[in-house]
Amino acid sequence: MRSVGRDDGGADLCRRDALARGLWYADDEDPGERDEELADWFAGVCVDAARRLHRSGRIVGALGRAVPVVLYDMFDPDAMFALTARANPAALVAEFTAADVS
């Protein structure tokens, strides 16, 4: 989140948090329901992060104006409109979510 192309341990922190919640699984394991639970949890993390960026003023500080954070799940593209609507102030996403054809 701090800089494009730089992680600073964020992926490991996310993995450890998911592991502590019982959501993480190895590639050779049967995930059962954990795959969907992990995806839902991570979507919530992303929504919360976008909300914090808006509240803190970091988006305006970095870009000079408020812009929506578009959240896209390549495994569930239809979720984009709902995730983006949850992550942003309503006024910022009104036009974007109006394009939702689902």
N, C-alpha and C. Protein backbone atom coordinates (compact mmCIF):
# COMPACT_ATOMS: atom_id res chain seq x y z
N MET A 1 0.82 -1.19 0.00
CA MET A 1 0.00 0.00 0.00
C MET A 1 0.86 1.25 0.00
N ARG A 2 2.06 1.15 0.49
CA ARG A 2 2.88 2.34 0.61
C ARG A 2 3.46 2.79 -0.71
N SER A 3 3.85 1.86 -1.55
CA SER A 3 4.53 2.21 -2.78
C SER A 3 4.37 1.09 -3.78
N VAL A 4 4.07 1.44 -5.01
CA VAL A 4 3.90 0.42 -6.04
C VAL A 4 5.20 -0.35 -6.20
N GLY A 5 5.09 -1.67 -6.19
CA GLY A 5 6.26 -2.51 -6.39
C GLY A 5 7.08 -2.76 -5.14
N ARG A 6 6.64 -2.25 -4.00
CA ARG A 6 7.39 -2.44 -2.76
C ARG A 6 6.45 -2.98 -1.69
N ASP A 7 6.81 -4.09 -1.09
CA ASP A 7 5.91 -4.77 -0.17
C ASP A 7 6.24 -4.49 1.30
N ASP A 8 7.48 -4.50 1.66
CA ASP A 8 7.92 -4.29 3.05
C ASP A 8 7.25 -5.24 4.03
N GLY A 9 7.04 -6.49 3.62
CA GLY A 9 6.53 -7.50 4.53
C GLY A 9 5.02 -7.59 4.61
N GLY A 10 4.31 -6.81 3.81
CA GLY A 10 2.85 -6.82 3.86
C GLY A 10 2.25 -8.17 3.50
N ALA A 11 2.81 -8.84 2.51
CA ALA A 11 2.27 -10.14 2.10
C ALA A 11 2.43 -11.16 3.22
N ASP A 12 3.59 -11.14 3.90
CA ASP A 12 3.80 -12.07 5.01
C ASP A 12 2.87 -11.75 6.17
N LEU A 13 2.66 -10.50 6.45
CA LEU A 13 1.74 -10.10 7.52
C LEU A 13 0.32 -10.56 7.20
N CYS A 14 -0.10 -10.40 5.97
CA CYS A 14 -1.43 -10.84 5.54
C CYS A 14 -1.56 -12.35 5.67
N ARG A 15 -0.54 -13.09 5.23
CA ARG A 15 -0.56 -14.54 5.33
C ARG A 15 -0.64 -14.98 6.78
N ARG A 16 0.15 -14.36 7.66
CA ARG A 16 0.13 -14.73 9.07
C ARG A 16 -1.22 -14.44 9.70
N ASP A 17 -1.85 -13.32 9.34
CA ASP A 17 -3.16 -12.99 9.87
C ASP A 17 -4.20 -14.02 9.41
N ALA A 18 -4.16 -14.36 8.13
CA ALA A 18 -5.10 -15.37 7.59
C ALA A 18 -4.85 -16.72 8.24
N LEU A 19 -3.60 -17.07 8.48
CA LEU A 19 -3.26 -18.32 9.14
C LEU A 19 -3.82 -18.34 10.57
N ALA A 20 -3.66 -17.24 11.28
CA ALA A 20 -4.16 -17.14 12.65
C ALA A 20 -5.68 -17.26 12.70
N ARG A 21 -6.34 -16.85 11.64
CA ARG A 21 -7.80 -16.94 11.58
C ARG A 21 -8.28 -18.30 11.07
N GLY A 22 -7.33 -19.18 10.73
CA GLY A 22 -7.68 -20.50 10.23
C GLY A 22 -8.13 -20.50 8.78
N LEU A 23 -7.78 -19.45 8.03
CA LEU A 23 -8.22 -19.33 6.65
C LEU A 23 -7.16 -19.76 5.64
N TRP A 24 -5.90 -19.76 6.04
CA TRP A 24 -4.81 -20.06 5.11
C TRP A 24 -4.71 -21.56 4.89
N TYR A 25 -4.36 -21.95 3.69
CA TYR A 25 -4.16 -23.37 3.38
C TYR A 25 -3.08 -23.50 2.32
N ALA A 26 -2.41 -24.65 2.31
CA ALA A 26 -1.35 -24.92 1.35
C ALA A 26 -1.96 -25.35 0.02
N ASP A 27 -1.19 -25.21 -1.04
CA ASP A 27 -1.67 -25.57 -2.38
C ASP A 27 -2.09 -27.03 -2.47
N ASP A 28 -1.44 -27.91 -1.70
CA ASP A 28 -1.77 -29.33 -1.79
C ASP A 28 -2.86 -29.75 -0.80
N GLU A 29 -3.45 -28.81 -0.07
CA GLU A 29 -4.54 -29.10 0.87
C GLU A 29 -5.89 -28.90 0.21
N ASP A 30 -6.88 -29.62 0.71
CA ASP A 30 -8.26 -29.36 0.30
C ASP A 30 -8.75 -28.18 1.13
N PRO A 31 -9.05 -27.05 0.50
CA PRO A 31 -9.43 -25.87 1.28
C PRO A 31 -10.82 -25.94 1.89
N GLY A 32 -11.65 -26.85 1.39
CA GLY A 32 -13.03 -26.87 1.89
C GLY A 32 -13.68 -25.52 1.63
N GLU A 33 -14.26 -24.94 2.65
CA GLU A 33 -14.90 -23.62 2.53
C GLU A 33 -13.91 -22.48 2.72
N ARG A 34 -12.68 -22.81 3.10
CA ARG A 34 -11.71 -21.76 3.42
C ARG A 34 -11.38 -20.87 2.24
N ASP A 35 -11.45 -21.39 1.02
CA ASP A 35 -11.10 -20.55 -0.13
C ASP A 35 -12.06 -19.36 -0.24
N GLU A 36 -13.34 -19.61 -0.09
CA GLU A 36 -14.32 -18.52 -0.14
C GLU A 36 -14.21 -17.62 1.09
N GLU A 37 -13.99 -18.22 2.25
CA GLU A 37 -13.85 -17.43 3.48
C GLU A 37 -12.61 -16.54 3.40
N LEU A 38 -11.52 -17.08 2.85
CA LEU A 38 -10.29 -16.30 2.69
C LEU A 38 -10.52 -15.15 1.73
N ALA A 39 -11.18 -15.41 0.62
CA ALA A 39 -11.46 -14.36 -0.36
C ALA A 39 -12.35 -13.28 0.24
N ASP A 40 -13.38 -13.67 1.00
CA ASP A 40 -14.26 -12.69 1.64
C ASP A 40 -13.51 -11.85 2.68
N TRP A 41 -12.68 -12.53 3.47
CA TRP A 41 -11.89 -11.81 4.48
C TRP A 41 -10.96 -10.80 3.80
N PHE A 42 -10.26 -11.23 2.74
CA PHE A 42 -9.32 -10.34 2.07
C PHE A 42 -10.03 -9.17 1.41
N ALA A 43 -11.21 -9.41 0.85
CA ALA A 43 -11.99 -8.30 0.27
C ALA A 43 -12.31 -7.28 1.36
N GLY A 44 -12.67 -7.76 2.54
CA GLY A 44 -12.94 -6.85 3.66
C GLY A 44 -11.71 -6.06 4.06
N VAL A 45 -10.54 -6.70 4.04
CA VAL A 45 -9.28 -6.01 4.34
C VAL A 45 -9.06 -4.88 3.33
N CYS A 46 -9.29 -5.17 2.06
CA CYS A 46 -9.09 -4.17 1.01
C CYS A 46 -10.09 -3.01 1.14
N VAL A 47 -11.34 -3.34 1.44
CA VAL A 47 -12.36 -2.29 1.64
C VAL A 47 -11.95 -1.40 2.81
N ASP A 48 -11.55 -2.01 3.92
CA ASP A 48 -11.13 -1.23 5.09
C ASP A 48 -9.92 -0.36 4.78
N ALA A 49 -8.97 -0.89 4.03
CA ALA A 49 -7.78 -0.12 3.68
C ALA A 49 -8.15 1.09 2.82
N ALA A 50 -9.03 0.90 1.86
CA ALA A 50 -9.46 2.03 1.02
C ALA A 50 -10.18 3.09 1.85
N ARG A 51 -11.04 2.65 2.76
CA ARG A 51 -11.74 3.60 3.64
C ARG A 51 -10.75 4.40 4.48
N ARG A 52 -9.73 3.72 5.02
CA ARG A 52 -8.72 4.42 5.82
C ARG A 52 -7.95 5.43 4.97
N LEU A 53 -7.65 5.06 3.73
CA LEU A 53 -6.94 6.00 2.85
C LEU A 53 -7.79 7.24 2.59
N HIS A 54 -9.08 7.07 2.41
CA HIS A 54 -9.96 8.23 2.24
C HIS A 54 -10.01 9.07 3.50
N ARG A 55 -10.26 8.43 4.65
CA ARG A 55 -10.39 9.16 5.92
C ARG A 55 -9.12 9.91 6.29
N SER A 56 -7.99 9.32 6.01
CA SER A 56 -6.71 9.93 6.40
C SER A 56 -6.30 11.08 5.49
N GLY A 57 -6.92 11.19 4.33
CA GLY A 57 -6.54 12.23 3.38
C GLY A 57 -5.34 11.86 2.52
N ARG A 58 -4.88 10.62 2.61
CA ARG A 58 -3.69 10.22 1.84
C ARG A 58 -3.94 10.24 0.35
N ILE A 59 -5.15 9.91 -0.08
CA ILE A 59 -5.44 9.92 -1.52
C ILE A 59 -5.37 11.34 -2.05
N VAL A 60 -6.03 12.25 -1.36
CA VAL A 60 -6.00 13.66 -1.79
C VAL A 60 -4.58 14.19 -1.71
N GLY A 61 -3.85 13.84 -0.67
CA GLY A 61 -2.47 14.29 -0.53
C GLY A 61 -1.57 13.80 -1.64
N ALA A 62 -1.78 12.56 -2.07
CA ALA A 62 -0.92 11.98 -3.11
C ALA A 62 -1.36 12.38 -4.51
N LEU A 63 -2.67 12.51 -4.73
CA LEU A 63 -3.18 12.73 -6.09
C LEU A 63 -3.75 14.13 -6.32
N GLY A 64 -3.90 14.90 -5.26
CA GLY A 64 -4.39 16.27 -5.41
C GLY A 64 -5.90 16.40 -5.40
N ARG A 65 -6.61 15.30 -5.41
CA ARG A 65 -8.07 15.33 -5.34
C ARG A 65 -8.57 13.95 -4.94
N ALA A 66 -9.81 13.91 -4.50
CA ALA A 66 -10.41 12.63 -4.12
C ALA A 66 -10.74 11.84 -5.38
N VAL A 67 -10.34 10.60 -5.40
CA VAL A 67 -10.67 9.68 -6.49
C VAL A 67 -11.10 8.36 -5.88
N PRO A 68 -11.97 7.62 -6.56
CA PRO A 68 -12.39 6.34 -6.00
C PRO A 68 -11.30 5.28 -6.10
N VAL A 69 -11.29 4.40 -5.13
CA VAL A 69 -10.42 3.22 -5.18
C VAL A 69 -11.28 2.11 -5.77
N VAL A 70 -10.87 1.61 -6.93
CA VAL A 70 -11.62 0.55 -7.60
C VAL A 70 -11.02 -0.79 -7.17
N LEU A 71 -11.86 -1.63 -6.57
CA LEU A 71 -11.42 -2.94 -6.12
C LEU A 71 -11.91 -3.99 -7.11
N TYR A 72 -10.97 -4.73 -7.66
CA TYR A 72 -11.29 -5.72 -8.69
C TYR A 72 -10.79 -7.09 -8.27
N ASP A 73 -11.65 -8.05 -8.29
CA ASP A 73 -11.30 -9.44 -7.97
C ASP A 73 -11.30 -10.22 -9.28
N MET A 74 -10.12 -10.62 -9.74
CA MET A 74 -10.05 -11.29 -11.04
C MET A 74 -10.76 -12.64 -11.04
N PHE A 75 -11.01 -13.21 -9.87
CA PHE A 75 -11.72 -14.47 -9.80
C PHE A 75 -13.24 -14.28 -9.70
N ASP A 76 -13.67 -13.04 -9.42
CA ASP A 76 -15.09 -12.71 -9.31
C ASP A 76 -15.29 -11.28 -9.81
N PRO A 77 -15.15 -11.06 -11.13
CA PRO A 77 -15.24 -9.71 -11.68
C PRO A 77 -16.54 -8.99 -11.35
N ASP A 78 -17.64 -9.73 -11.21
CA ASP A 78 -18.92 -9.09 -10.92
C ASP A 78 -18.95 -8.43 -9.54
N ALA A 79 -18.04 -8.83 -8.66
CA ALA A 79 -18.00 -8.25 -7.32
C ALA A 79 -17.42 -6.84 -7.31
N MET A 80 -16.84 -6.41 -8.43
CA MET A 80 -16.17 -5.11 -8.49
C MET A 80 -17.07 -3.96 -8.06
N PHE A 81 -18.30 -3.92 -8.53
CA PHE A 81 -19.17 -2.79 -8.23
C PHE A 81 -19.52 -2.74 -6.75
N ALA A 82 -19.85 -3.87 -6.16
CA ALA A 82 -20.20 -3.90 -4.74
C ALA A 82 -18.99 -3.58 -3.86
N LEU A 83 -17.83 -4.15 -4.18
CA LEU A 83 -16.63 -3.86 -3.40
C LEU A 83 -16.24 -2.40 -3.50
N THR A 84 -16.28 -1.85 -4.70
CA THR A 84 -15.92 -0.45 -4.91
C THR A 84 -16.90 0.47 -4.19
N ALA A 85 -18.18 0.14 -4.22
CA ALA A 85 -19.18 0.95 -3.52
C ALA A 85 -18.94 0.93 -2.02
N ARG A 86 -18.56 -0.23 -1.47
CA ARG A 86 -18.28 -0.33 -0.03
C ARG A 86 -17.02 0.41 0.37
N ALA A 87 -16.07 0.52 -0.54
CA ALA A 87 -14.75 1.06 -0.21
C ALA A 87 -14.66 2.58 -0.28
N ASN A 88 -15.63 3.22 -0.88
CA ASN A 88 -15.52 4.65 -1.17
C ASN A 88 -16.73 5.44 -0.69
N PRO A 89 -16.54 6.75 -0.48
CA PRO A 89 -17.70 7.60 -0.22
C PRO A 89 -18.67 7.54 -1.41
N ALA A 90 -19.96 7.55 -1.12
CA ALA A 90 -20.98 7.37 -2.16
C ALA A 90 -20.83 8.35 -3.32
N ALA A 91 -20.53 9.60 -3.01
CA ALA A 91 -20.44 10.62 -4.07
C ALA A 91 -19.32 10.31 -5.07
N LEU A 92 -18.27 9.65 -4.60
CA LEU A 92 -17.15 9.34 -5.50
C LEU A 92 -17.45 8.19 -6.44
N VAL A 93 -18.37 7.32 -6.08
CA VAL A 93 -18.60 6.14 -6.90
C VAL A 93 -19.97 6.12 -7.57
N ALA A 94 -20.73 7.18 -7.43
CA ALA A 94 -22.10 7.19 -7.98
C ALA A 94 -22.09 6.89 -9.47
N GLU A 95 -21.27 7.58 -10.25
CA GLU A 95 -21.22 7.36 -11.69
C GLU A 95 -20.68 5.98 -12.03
N PHE A 96 -19.64 5.55 -11.29
CA PHE A 96 -19.05 4.24 -11.52
C PHE A 96 -20.05 3.12 -11.26
N THR A 97 -20.75 3.17 -10.14
CA THR A 97 -21.68 2.10 -9.81
C THR A 97 -22.94 2.17 -10.67
N ALA A 98 -23.23 3.32 -11.27
CA ALA A 98 -24.37 3.41 -12.18
C ALA A 98 -24.14 2.55 -13.42
N ALA A 99 -22.88 2.25 -13.70
CA ALA A 99 -22.54 1.42 -14.86
C ALA A 99 -22.74 -0.06 -14.58
N ASP A 100 -23.06 -0.41 -13.35
CA ASP A 100 -23.27 -1.81 -12.97
C ASP A 100 -24.47 -2.36 -13.73
N VAL A 101 -24.21 -3.36 -14.55
CA VAL A 101 -25.27 -3.94 -15.38
C VAL A 101 -25.74 -5.29 -14.84
N SER A 102 -25.22 -5.67 -13.66
CA SER A 102 -25.62 -6.98 -13.13
C SER A 102 -26.94 -6.91 -12.40
